[in-house]
Amino acid sequence: MRVVVDRDRCEGNAFCVNIAPEVFILDDDEYAVVIAEPVPVEQETLVEQAITACPRAALSRED
């Protein structure tokens, strides 16, 4: 599984970072960045939660 951040939609709310800090960080411009590609199997449930929780729908899953 891969997850993609749409930087045009991301506002840096950090919901993803709070839910899955081993997969997401905020860069210097306060945009979410994926730091684990592909997503480790043990993190997939958290990443799914982060995708759902993103208030701007800036995250999407790619298989």
C-alpha atoms as a PDB file:
ATOM      1  CA  MET A   1       0.000   0.000   0.000  1.00  0.00           C
ATOM      2  CA  ARG A   2       1.083   3.535  -0.810  1.00  0.00           C
ATOM      3  CA  VAL A   3      -0.487   6.762   0.329  1.00  0.00           C
ATOM      4  CA  VAL A   4      -0.369  10.013  -1.625  1.00  0.00           C
ATOM      5  CA  VAL A   5      -0.643  13.554  -0.270  1.00  0.00           C
ATOM      6  CA  ASP A   6      -2.351  16.125  -2.473  1.00  0.00           C
ATOM      7  CA  ARG A   7      -0.357  19.243  -1.593  1.00  0.00           C
ATOM      8  CA  ASP A   8      -2.994  21.469  -3.196  1.00  0.00           C
ATOM      9  CA  ARG A   9      -5.521  20.245  -0.616  1.00  0.00           C
ATOM     10  CA  CYS A  10      -3.265  19.764   2.434  1.00  0.00           C
ATOM     11  CA  GLU A  11      -3.540  22.511   5.055  1.00  0.00           C
ATOM     12  CA  GLY A  12      -1.080  21.039   7.546  1.00  0.00           C
ATOM     13  CA  ASN A  13      -3.743  20.174  10.126  1.00  0.00           C
ATOM     14  CA  ALA A  14      -1.543  17.221  11.152  1.00  0.00           C
ATOM     15  CA  PHE A  15      -4.376  14.785  11.807  1.00  0.00           C
ATOM     16  CA  CYS A  16      -2.364  12.222   9.838  1.00  0.00           C
ATOM     17  CA  VAL A  17       0.780  12.900  11.870  1.00  0.00           C
ATOM     18  CA  ASN A  18      -1.125  12.510  15.131  1.00  0.00           C
ATOM     19  CA  ILE A  19      -2.724   9.245  13.998  1.00  0.00           C
ATOM     20  CA  ALA A  20       0.250   7.635  12.217  1.00  0.00           C
ATOM     21  CA  PRO A  21       3.490   9.392  13.221  1.00  0.00           C
ATOM     22  CA  GLU A  22       5.606   6.542  11.859  1.00  0.00           C
ATOM     23  CA  VAL A  23       4.221   7.206   8.384  1.00  0.00           C
ATOM     24  CA  PHE A  24       3.647  10.990   8.208  1.00  0.00           C
ATOM     25  CA  ILE A  25       5.546  14.130   9.181  1.00  0.00           C
ATOM     26  CA  LEU A  26       5.007  17.810   8.387  1.00  0.00           C
ATOM     27  CA  ASP A  27       7.678  19.423   6.259  1.00  0.00           C
ATOM     28  CA  ASP A  28       9.076  22.921   6.765  1.00  0.00           C
ATOM     29  CA  ASP A  29       6.120  24.366   4.831  1.00  0.00           C
ATOM     30  CA  GLU A  30       3.657  22.510   7.095  1.00  0.00           C
ATOM     31  CA  TYR A  31       2.528  20.026   4.432  1.00  0.00           C
ATOM     32  CA  ALA A  32       2.133  16.340   5.196  1.00  0.00           C
ATOM     33  CA  VAL A  33       4.869  14.094   3.836  1.00  0.00           C
ATOM     34  CA  VAL A  34       4.864  10.302   3.685  1.00  0.00           C
ATOM     35  CA  ILE A  35       8.055   8.930   5.225  1.00  0.00           C
ATOM     36  CA  ALA A  36       7.272   5.203   4.938  1.00  0.00           C
ATOM     37  CA  GLU A  37       6.798   3.906   1.412  1.00  0.00           C
ATOM     38  CA  PRO A  38       5.357   1.442   0.999  1.00  0.00           C
ATOM     39  CA  VAL A  39       3.317   1.700   4.188  1.00  0.00           C
ATOM     40  CA  PRO A  40       4.313  -1.088   6.607  1.00  0.00           C
ATOM     41  CA  VAL A  41       1.556  -3.675   6.983  1.00  0.00           C
ATOM     42  CA  GLU A  42       1.298  -3.001  10.720  1.00  0.00           C
ATOM     43  CA  GLN A  43       0.596   0.702   9.987  1.00  0.00           C
ATOM     44  CA  GLU A  44      -2.094   0.209   7.326  1.00  0.00           C
ATOM     45  CA  THR A  45      -5.027   0.447   9.757  1.00  0.00           C
ATOM     46  CA  LEU A  46      -3.698   3.725  11.171  1.00  0.00           C
ATOM     47  CA  VAL A  47      -3.130   5.103   7.678  1.00  0.00           C
ATOM     48  CA  GLU A  48      -6.709   4.231   6.723  1.00  0.00           C
ATOM     49  CA  GLN A  49      -7.850   6.150   9.816  1.00  0.00           C
ATOM     50  CA  ALA A  50      -5.665   9.100   8.802  1.00  0.00           C
ATOM     51  CA  ILE A  51      -7.132   9.104   5.284  1.00  0.00           C
ATOM     52  CA  THR A  52     -10.646   9.158   6.729  1.00  0.00           C
ATOM     53  CA  ALA A  53      -9.798  11.819   9.339  1.00  0.00           C
ATOM     54  CA  CYS A  54      -8.158  14.290   6.949  1.00  0.00           C
ATOM     55  CA  PRO A  55     -10.462  17.338   6.951  1.00  0.00           C
ATOM     56  CA  ARG A  56      -9.401  18.360   3.439  1.00  0.00           C
ATOM     57  CA  ALA A  57      -9.407  14.854   1.907  1.00  0.00           C
ATOM     58  CA  ALA A  58      -5.782  15.410   0.957  1.00  0.00           C
ATOM     59  CA  LEU A  59      -4.774  11.771   1.417  1.00  0.00           C
ATOM     60  CA  SER A  60      -5.486   8.890  -0.927  1.00  0.00           C
ATOM     61  CA  ARG A  61      -4.555   5.242  -1.033  1.00  0.00           C
ATOM     62  CA  GLU A  62      -2.812   3.510  -3.926  1.00  0.00           C
ATOM     63  CA  ASP A  63      -2.447  -0.238  -4.003  1.00  0.00           C
END
